[in-house]
Protein backbone atom coordinates (compact mmCIF):
# COMPACT_ATOMS: atom_id res chain seq x y z
CA MET A 1 -55.46 -46.27 -51.92
CA THR A 2 -54.14 -45.59 -48.47
CA ASP A 3 -54.25 -42.59 -46.17
CA ARG A 4 -51.37 -40.14 -46.52
CA SER A 5 -49.50 -39.31 -43.36
CA SER A 6 -47.33 -36.79 -45.22
CA SER A 7 -48.56 -33.28 -45.96
CA THR A 8 -46.93 -33.33 -49.41
CA LEU A 9 -48.44 -34.83 -52.53
CA SER A 10 -45.66 -35.89 -54.90
CA ALA A 11 -46.08 -36.38 -58.62
CA PRO A 12 -46.33 -40.19 -58.29
CA GLU A 13 -49.08 -39.77 -55.70
CA LEU A 14 -50.98 -37.33 -57.88
CA LEU A 15 -50.79 -39.77 -60.78
CA ALA A 16 -51.66 -42.83 -58.74
CA PRO A 17 -54.66 -44.70 -60.19
CA ALA A 18 -57.86 -43.77 -58.38
CA HIS A 19 -59.15 -47.31 -57.84
CA ALA A 20 -62.69 -47.36 -56.53
CA PRO A 21 -62.82 -49.12 -53.16
CA PRO A 22 -65.01 -52.22 -53.02
CA GLU A 23 -67.53 -50.57 -50.71
CA ALA A 24 -68.05 -47.66 -53.09
CA ASN A 25 -70.30 -49.74 -55.31
CA ALA A 26 -71.67 -52.23 -52.83
CA VAL A 27 -72.98 -51.96 -49.31
CA SER A 28 -72.31 -54.81 -46.92
CA GLY A 29 -72.44 -55.45 -43.22
CA GLY A 30 -75.19 -54.54 -40.79
CA SER A 31 -77.89 -51.92 -41.22
CA ASP A 32 -75.85 -49.32 -39.35
CA ASP A 33 -72.87 -49.80 -41.69
CA ARG A 34 -75.25 -49.58 -44.63
CA ALA A 35 -76.58 -46.26 -43.33
CA TYR A 36 -73.11 -44.74 -43.25
CA ARG A 37 -72.20 -46.02 -46.71
CA LEU A 38 -75.46 -44.65 -48.11
CA LEU A 39 -74.74 -41.32 -46.45
CA GLN A 40 -71.23 -41.22 -47.96
CA GLN A 41 -72.71 -41.88 -51.39
CA HIS A 42 -75.39 -39.25 -50.80
CA LEU A 43 -72.83 -36.63 -49.74
CA ASN A 44 -70.70 -37.50 -52.75
CA LYS A 45 -73.59 -36.40 -55.01
CA GLN A 46 -73.77 -32.94 -53.49
CA ALA A 47 -72.13 -29.81 -54.89
CA VAL A 48 -68.82 -30.55 -53.14
CA GLU A 49 -68.08 -34.27 -53.25
CA PHE A 50 -67.32 -36.63 -50.36
CA PRO A 51 -65.56 -39.55 -52.07
CA SER A 52 -65.08 -43.00 -50.64
CA VAL A 53 -61.60 -44.32 -49.79
CA SER A 54 -60.45 -47.91 -49.44
CA SER A 55 -58.94 -47.28 -46.00
CA GLY A 56 -62.40 -46.64 -44.53
CA ALA A 57 -61.42 -43.16 -43.29
CA ASP A 58 -64.56 -41.73 -44.88
CA ILE A 59 -66.84 -43.97 -42.81
CA ARG A 60 -64.81 -43.52 -39.64
CA PHE A 61 -65.23 -39.78 -39.97
CA LEU A 62 -68.99 -39.99 -40.55
CA LYS A 63 -69.38 -42.24 -37.51
CA MET A 64 -67.77 -39.56 -35.36
CA LEU A 65 -70.43 -37.01 -36.35
CA PHE A 66 -73.59 -39.00 -37.08
CA SER A 67 -75.46 -41.64 -35.13
CA PRO A 68 -76.98 -44.34 -37.39
CA ASP A 69 -80.41 -42.67 -37.21
CA GLU A 70 -78.91 -39.25 -37.88
CA ALA A 71 -77.16 -40.70 -40.91
CA ARG A 72 -80.46 -42.12 -42.19
CA LEU A 73 -82.25 -38.82 -41.68
CA ALA A 74 -79.46 -36.88 -43.42
CA LEU A 75 -80.33 -38.82 -46.58
CA HIS A 76 -83.42 -36.59 -46.75
CA LEU A 77 -81.30 -33.42 -46.84
CA SER A 78 -79.26 -31.86 -49.63
CA TYR A 79 -76.94 -28.87 -49.97
CA LYS A 80 -80.05 -26.75 -50.49
CA PRO A 81 -81.66 -25.60 -47.22
CA THR A 82 -84.90 -27.53 -46.72
CA ALA A 83 -87.73 -26.41 -44.45
CA GLN A 84 -88.26 -28.71 -41.47
CA PRO A 85 -91.88 -29.54 -42.40
CA GLN A 86 -90.61 -30.82 -45.75
CA VAL A 87 -87.96 -32.94 -44.02
CA GLU A 88 -90.62 -34.37 -41.72
CA ALA A 89 -92.82 -35.26 -44.70
CA SER A 90 -89.93 -36.83 -46.62
CA ALA A 91 -88.82 -38.96 -43.65
CA ALA A 92 -92.31 -39.82 -42.37
CA ALA A 93 -91.99 -43.51 -43.25
CA GLU A 94 -89.01 -43.87 -40.89
CA PHE A 95 -89.32 -41.17 -38.23
CA SER A 96 -92.04 -39.30 -36.42
CA ALA A 97 -92.03 -35.50 -36.48
CA ALA A 98 -90.71 -35.48 -32.92
CA GLU A 99 -87.91 -37.87 -33.86
CA VAL A 100 -87.00 -35.74 -36.87
CA ASP A 101 -86.78 -32.66 -34.66
CA ARG A 102 -84.61 -34.46 -32.10
CA LEU A 103 -82.27 -35.97 -34.70
CA LEU A 104 -81.86 -32.73 -36.66
CA ASN A 105 -80.94 -30.83 -33.54
CA SER A 106 -78.57 -33.49 -32.21
CA ALA A 107 -76.74 -33.71 -35.56
CA PHE A 108 -76.59 -29.92 -35.71
CA GLN A 109 -75.11 -29.65 -32.22
CA LYS A 110 -72.27 -31.92 -33.33
CA GLY A 111 -71.55 -29.81 -36.41
CA ALA A 112 -72.70 -32.54 -38.78
CA ILE A 113 -75.36 -30.47 -40.58
CA ALA A 114 -76.23 -26.79 -40.93
CA TRP A 115 -79.25 -24.78 -39.87
CA LYS A 116 -80.80 -21.42 -40.63
CA GLU A 117 -84.05 -19.71 -39.73
CA LYS A 118 -86.18 -17.67 -42.08
CA ASP A 119 -89.54 -16.12 -41.15
CA GLY A 120 -89.74 -18.36 -38.11
CA VAL A 121 -89.20 -21.57 -40.10
CA HIS A 122 -86.19 -23.84 -39.50
CA PHE A 123 -84.21 -24.88 -42.57
CA TRP A 124 -81.60 -27.66 -42.64
CA HIS A 125 -78.94 -28.86 -45.07
CA VAL A 126 -75.87 -31.05 -45.31
CA VAL A 127 -72.45 -29.47 -45.68
CA PRO A 128 -69.21 -30.64 -47.29
CA MET A 129 -66.15 -31.82 -45.42
CA VAL A 130 -64.40 -28.50 -46.18
CA VAL A 131 -65.59 -25.82 -45.69
CA GLY A 132 -68.17 -27.43 -43.41
CA MET A 133 -68.12 -30.43 -41.12
CA TYR A 134 -64.44 -30.11 -40.30
CA GLU A 135 -64.65 -26.43 -39.35
CA PHE A 136 -68.01 -26.78 -37.60
CA GLN A 137 -66.24 -28.05 -34.51
CA ASP A 138 -65.82 -24.30 -33.91
CA GLY A 139 -62.24 -24.45 -32.77
CA ALA A 140 -62.78 -27.11 -30.10
CA PRO A 141 -61.92 -30.44 -31.76
CA SER A 142 -60.86 -33.53 -29.88
CA ALA A 143 -57.52 -35.11 -30.69
CA GLU A 144 -59.33 -38.21 -31.98
CA TYR A 145 -61.53 -36.09 -34.26
CA VAL A 146 -58.51 -34.30 -35.74
CA ALA A 147 -56.69 -37.59 -36.34
CA VAL A 148 -59.65 -39.20 -38.12
CA ALA A 149 -60.43 -36.07 -40.15
CA HIS A 150 -56.83 -35.66 -41.26
CA SER A 151 -56.53 -39.31 -42.24
CA TYR A 152 -59.39 -38.72 -44.67
CA MET A 153 -58.36 -35.26 -45.90
CA ARG A 154 -54.85 -36.50 -46.73
CA THR A 155 -56.11 -39.06 -49.22
CA LEU A 156 -55.72 -38.49 -52.94
CA ALA A 157 -59.46 -39.00 -53.44
CA PHE A 158 -60.34 -36.10 -51.16
CA GLY A 159 -57.63 -33.86 -52.62
CA LYS A 160 -58.88 -34.58 -56.12
CA ALA A 161 -62.45 -33.73 -55.10
CA LEU A 162 -61.36 -30.49 -53.43
CA LEU A 163 -59.32 -29.32 -56.43
CA SER A 164 -62.19 -30.14 -58.78
CA VAL A 165 -64.49 -27.57 -57.18
CA ASN A 166 -65.25 -24.78 -59.65
CA PRO A 167 -65.68 -22.00 -58.73
CA PRO A 168 -63.54 -22.33 -55.58
CA GLN A 169 -65.28 -22.31 -52.21
CA MET A 170 -63.11 -19.47 -50.89
CA LYS A 171 -61.43 -16.42 -52.30
CA THR A 172 -58.76 -13.97 -51.18
CA ILE A 173 -59.42 -10.30 -50.53
CA PRO A 174 -56.65 -7.73 -50.05
CA ILE A 175 -55.85 -6.26 -46.66
CA ASP A 176 -56.95 -2.66 -46.14
CA GLN A 177 -53.42 -1.24 -45.99
CA SER A 178 -52.66 -2.46 -49.52
CA ILE A 179 -55.66 -0.79 -51.19
CA THR A 180 -55.50 2.68 -52.69
CA VAL A 181 -58.30 5.01 -53.76
CA GLU A 182 -57.45 4.29 -57.39
CA HIS A 183 -58.42 0.64 -57.02
CA HIS A 184 -62.19 1.31 -56.99
CA VAL A 185 -62.64 -1.82 -54.92
CA ALA A 186 -65.88 -3.77 -55.28
CA GLN A 187 -67.87 -4.29 -52.10
CA TYR A 188 -67.17 -8.03 -52.06
CA ASP A 189 -63.41 -7.36 -52.18
CA GLN A 190 -63.23 -4.94 -49.25
CA LEU A 191 -63.31 -5.95 -45.62
CA ARG A 192 -65.29 -3.08 -44.10
CA ASN A 193 -67.93 -3.26 -46.81
CA LEU A 194 -68.50 -6.96 -46.12
CA ILE A 195 -69.01 -6.34 -42.42
CA ASP A 196 -71.11 -3.20 -42.90
CA ALA A 197 -73.41 -5.01 -45.34
CA SER A 198 -74.13 -7.88 -42.96
CA PRO A 199 -77.29 -7.70 -40.83
CA GLY A 200 -75.48 -9.68 -38.11
CA PRO A 201 -75.15 -11.30 -35.68
CA PHE A 202 -71.36 -11.62 -35.43
CA ALA A 203 -69.27 -14.26 -33.68
CA THR A 204 -65.69 -15.43 -33.41
CA VAL A 205 -64.36 -18.94 -32.85
CA LYS A 206 -60.92 -20.43 -32.41
CA CYS A 207 -59.13 -21.42 -35.59
CA ILE A 208 -59.39 -25.20 -35.91
CA CYS A 209 -56.21 -25.32 -38.02
CA ARG A 210 -54.13 -23.73 -35.26
CA GLU A 211 -55.85 -25.84 -32.64
CA ALA A 212 -55.01 -28.98 -34.58
CA GLY A 213 -51.42 -27.81 -35.01
CA ALA A 214 -51.08 -27.11 -31.29
CA MET A 215 -52.23 -30.67 -30.54
CA SER A 216 -49.21 -31.99 -32.41
CA GLY A 217 -46.85 -29.51 -30.77
CA LYS A 218 -46.71 -27.20 -33.78
CA LYS A 219 -46.78 -23.49 -32.94
CA CYS A 220 -48.11 -20.92 -35.37
CA THR A 221 -45.32 -18.64 -36.58
CA GLN A 222 -47.65 -15.73 -37.35
CA THR A 223 -49.78 -15.24 -34.25
CA LYS A 224 -50.40 -16.55 -30.75
CA ARG A 225 -54.06 -15.66 -31.01
CA LEU A 226 -56.62 -18.40 -31.63
CA GLU A 227 -59.84 -16.38 -31.96
CA THR A 228 -59.20 -15.29 -35.53
CA CYS A 229 -62.11 -16.82 -37.44
CA VAL A 230 -65.26 -14.73 -37.65
CA GLY A 231 -68.76 -15.51 -38.84
CA PHE A 232 -71.69 -13.27 -39.50
CA GLY A 233 -75.31 -13.67 -40.52
CA ASP A 234 -76.49 -17.29 -40.62
CA MET A 235 -73.01 -18.66 -39.91
CA ALA A 236 -72.74 -16.67 -36.69
CA ALA A 237 -76.30 -17.59 -35.74
CA MET A 238 -75.41 -21.28 -36.08
CA THR A 239 -72.33 -20.86 -33.91
CA LEU A 240 -74.23 -19.03 -31.20
CA ARG A 241 -77.15 -21.48 -31.30
CA ARG A 242 -74.70 -24.28 -30.51
CA LYS A 243 -73.38 -22.10 -27.66
CA HIS A 244 -69.94 -22.11 -29.26
CA GLY A 245 -67.68 -19.19 -29.87
CA ARG A 246 -68.18 -15.66 -28.63
CA GLU A 247 -70.67 -13.06 -29.82
CA LEU A 248 -69.19 -9.82 -31.14
CA THR A 249 -70.38 -6.35 -31.97
CA ARG A 250 -69.84 -5.11 -35.50
CA GLN A 251 -66.91 -2.98 -34.35
CA GLU A 252 -65.33 -5.87 -32.43
CA THR A 253 -65.53 -7.95 -35.60
CA LEU A 254 -63.66 -5.28 -37.54
CA ASP A 255 -61.12 -4.93 -34.74
CA ILE A 256 -60.34 -8.66 -34.77
CA LEU A 257 -59.97 -8.76 -38.54
CA ARG A 258 -57.71 -5.72 -38.54
CA GLN A 259 -55.53 -7.31 -35.88
CA ASN A 260 -55.41 -10.41 -38.08
CA GLN A 261 -54.08 -8.24 -40.90
CA ASP A 262 -51.45 -6.72 -38.62
CA ASP A 263 -50.39 -10.24 -37.61
CA GLY A 264 -49.81 -11.10 -41.26
CA LEU A 265 -52.81 -13.36 -41.84
CA VAL A 266 -54.47 -13.79 -45.24
CA LEU A 267 -58.16 -12.82 -45.42
CA GLN A 268 -60.20 -15.60 -47.01
CA PRO A 269 -63.99 -15.21 -47.00
CA ALA A 270 -66.44 -17.53 -48.70
CA ASN A 271 -66.42 -17.04 -52.47
CA ALA A 272 -69.62 -15.03 -52.56
CA GLN A 273 -70.74 -11.44 -52.86
CA ASN A 274 -72.47 -11.87 -49.52
CA PRO A 275 -70.19 -14.23 -47.57
CA GLU A 276 -70.96 -15.32 -44.03
CA PHE A 277 -67.46 -15.98 -42.73
CA VAL A 278 -63.90 -14.75 -43.05
CA CYS A 279 -61.03 -17.08 -42.31
CA SER A 280 -57.72 -15.43 -41.47
CA CYS A 281 -55.06 -17.85 -42.56
CA CYS A 282 -51.34 -18.44 -42.16
CA GLY A 283 -49.09 -20.49 -44.38
CA CYS A 284 -47.88 -22.66 -41.51
CA CYS A 285 -51.24 -23.92 -40.18
CA CYS A 286 -54.01 -23.35 -42.73
CA GLY A 287 -54.92 -26.42 -44.76
CA MET A 288 -56.01 -24.34 -47.75
CA LEU A 289 -52.78 -22.33 -47.91
CA ALA A 290 -50.73 -25.48 -47.29
CA LEU A 291 -52.38 -27.00 -50.37
CA GLN A 292 -51.75 -23.77 -52.28
CA LYS A 293 -48.04 -23.95 -51.51
CA ARG A 294 -47.81 -27.54 -52.77
CA LEU A 295 -49.41 -26.82 -56.15
CA PRO A 296 -47.17 -25.71 -59.04
CA LYS A 297 -49.76 -23.24 -60.37
CA PRO A 298 -52.25 -22.68 -57.55
CA LEU A 299 -53.92 -19.71 -59.26
CA ASN A 300 -55.63 -22.30 -61.48
CA PHE A 301 -57.64 -23.22 -58.38
CA TRP A 302 -57.92 -19.86 -56.61
CA THR A 303 -60.08 -16.77 -56.88
CA SER A 304 -58.46 -13.37 -56.45
CA ASN A 305 -58.86 -10.09 -58.28
CA TYR A 306 -55.44 -8.67 -57.42
CA TYR A 307 -51.73 -9.40 -57.65
CA ALA A 308 -48.61 -7.80 -56.22
CA GLU A 309 -46.05 -6.09 -58.41
CA VAL A 310 -42.44 -5.08 -57.68
CA SER A 311 -40.59 -2.02 -58.87
CA ALA A 312 -37.12 -3.47 -59.46
CA ALA A 313 -35.60 -0.01 -59.43
CA ALA A 314 -36.99 0.74 -55.98
CA CYS A 315 -36.30 -2.68 -54.41
CA THR A 316 -33.59 -2.59 -51.71
CA HIS A 317 -33.27 -6.39 -51.59
CA CYS A 318 -34.14 -6.59 -47.86
CA GLY A 319 -36.24 -9.74 -48.19
CA LYS A 320 -39.04 -8.61 -45.88
CA CYS A 321 -41.60 -9.37 -48.58
CA VAL A 322 -40.33 -12.96 -48.78
CA ALA A 323 -40.85 -13.46 -45.06
CA ARG A 324 -44.25 -11.75 -45.17
CA CYS A 325 -45.65 -13.86 -48.03
CA GLN A 326 -47.70 -16.83 -46.79
CA VAL A 327 -47.77 -18.71 -50.10
CA ARG A 328 -44.16 -18.59 -51.35
CA ALA A 329 -45.02 -16.25 -54.19
CA VAL A 330 -42.04 -13.93 -53.59
CA THR A 331 -38.40 -14.78 -54.15
CA LEU A 332 -35.15 -12.82 -54.29
CA THR A 333 -33.55 -13.49 -57.66
CA GLY A 334 -30.55 -12.47 -59.72
CA PRO A 335 -27.17 -11.18 -58.59
CA ASP A 336 -28.80 -8.20 -56.86
CA LYS A 337 -31.38 -10.38 -55.07
CA THR A 338 -34.27 -8.31 -56.39
CA ALA A 339 -37.76 -9.30 -55.25
CA ARG A 340 -39.75 -11.15 -57.87
CA ILE A 341 -43.46 -12.06 -57.77
CA ASN A 342 -44.59 -15.36 -59.26
CA ARG A 343 -47.93 -14.47 -60.85
CA HIS A 344 -48.93 -18.15 -60.86
CA ARG A 345 -48.67 -18.17 -57.06
CA CYS A 346 -49.62 -14.68 -55.87
CA ILE A 347 -53.14 -14.63 -54.42
CA GLY A 348 -53.35 -10.85 -54.11
CA CYS A 349 -53.66 -10.70 -50.33
CA GLY A 350 -51.56 -7.53 -50.17
CA LEU A 351 -49.66 -8.53 -47.03
CA CYS A 352 -46.32 -7.68 -48.59
CA VAL A 353 -47.29 -4.14 -49.66
CA PRO A 354 -47.37 -2.14 -46.40
CA THR A 355 -44.28 -3.82 -44.93
CA CYS A 356 -41.93 -2.95 -47.79
CA PRO A 357 -39.64 -0.21 -46.37
CA ALA A 358 -38.78 1.05 -49.87
CA LYS A 359 -42.41 1.17 -51.04
CA ALA A 360 -41.35 -0.98 -53.98
CA LEU A 361 -44.46 -3.15 -53.87
CA THR A 362 -47.92 -2.25 -55.09
CA LEU A 363 -51.15 -4.16 -55.49
CA ARG A 364 -52.54 -4.31 -59.00
CA LYS A 365 -56.08 -5.00 -60.09
CA LYS A 366 -56.43 -7.79 -62.65
CA ALA A 367 -57.76 -6.80 -66.06
CA ASP A 368 -60.34 -9.58 -65.94
CA GLN A 369 -62.27 -9.26 -62.69
CA THR A 370 -64.01 -12.33 -61.30
CA VAL A 371 -67.48 -11.57 -59.95
CA PRO A 372 -68.23 -14.13 -57.21
CA PRO A 373 -71.56 -15.95 -56.89
CA ARG A 374 -74.34 -14.09 -55.10
CA ASP A 375 -74.41 -16.17 -51.91
CA ALA A 376 -73.69 -19.66 -50.56
CA GLU A 377 -76.65 -21.22 -52.37
CA ASP A 378 -75.65 -19.66 -55.68
CA LEU A 379 -72.06 -20.81 -55.12
CA ASN A 380 -73.20 -24.41 -54.65
CA GLU A 381 -75.38 -24.22 -57.75
CA GLN A 382 -72.44 -23.05 -59.83
CA ILE A 383 -70.16 -25.73 -58.37
CA LEU A 384 -72.73 -28.41 -59.25
CA ALA A 385 -73.09 -27.03 -62.77
CA HIS A 386 -69.33 -27.19 -63.33
CA LYS A 387 -68.69 -30.65 -61.86
CA LYS A 388 -65.88 -32.52 -63.55
CA ASN A 389 -66.29 -36.09 -64.70
CA GLY A 390 -63.69 -38.79 -64.04
CA TRP A 391 -61.72 -38.10 -67.22
CA GLN A 392 -61.63 -34.34 -66.56
CA LYS A 393 -60.35 -34.97 -63.04
CA PHE A 394 -57.60 -37.21 -64.42
CA ILE A 395 -56.54 -34.51 -66.90
CA MET A 396 -56.51 -31.98 -64.06
CA LEU A 397 -54.22 -34.19 -61.95
CA MET A 398 -51.94 -34.79 -64.94
CA LYS A 399 -51.53 -31.04 -65.40
CA VAL A 400 -50.74 -30.61 -61.70
CA ALA A 401 -48.22 -33.44 -61.72
CA LEU A 402 -46.54 -32.18 -64.90
CA ARG A 403 -46.59 -28.59 -63.60
CA LEU A 404 -48.56 -27.35 -66.62
């Protein structure tokens, strides 16, 4: 398998045989190379997989974030936050307590691993490629980093691993202007409630997707602003501990997110009742929405409790909803060019609702509501419990390729 330079996965690519690269089952070379291969295999066993690829893009990416010793130490971490004394005890045969402390902090500063503090104790854990190591550059990636990361993320192996995650890592919540009193919106589906429920702190960072696009000369069509991603709680604490981003007040956080809505960005928090970040995404730059647009039935891989609905009688055929939609869920059809919503594509963001001059669009609540996992740890536990085996992944790709 080779890296994909194109952003589009065609049916032949989706059905291409997933040959295991030679290094996936055998480790060769020096001890440093062995450390990186062992780390790749270790990460691949976590809740969200990190598969190997024959091009070596997986190892090149890990080498950008981990030193050989950091890679060896990361083998003592999992997706579950582990107290530092436990890490020190687990790694005692290789590293002193002082070395463990130094290596954990140096890997953390590079965005390779995650940290949180509870009752004065430091906890550490590994994170997936997405959402995780890629975004942990906090909006300040180097051109080399982006190139290496993209060469890995554009492989079929990574795409297959990402689509296999169940439940999804992120969900969509509707913008405030699209919600009515009758909706009886759950706390985890309403922006203000998410922010009000957080103990803080709050921080904003530049969107790495728009930064990466700008490096290749691609301008975002939705906004000129870069500080659109916000974190709160442990996620914000990590950002501020690395001296990245900018600390916000609670009100400033709400102000940024509301401006994001006005700019036509889709609100995508972590798929949890108590999320710790909200991405504000556009269809032209965001990797997640770009993937959504390429899938024939993306709602098979998405979490949303709402969908948009058109009143054909009220539609004036202006097409503003088509331009507003970030995921190509709206089309003008028939001789009258009436707006039509593709329920397989609509993620219920509500962006189209307030901009319809005829008020022909409304947001509807799905009959079967999806209750997200409690928090990030619960999300990872559920993902691990629903991991697909090789045959299930093949069936999934067949359905995608055949548009089933």
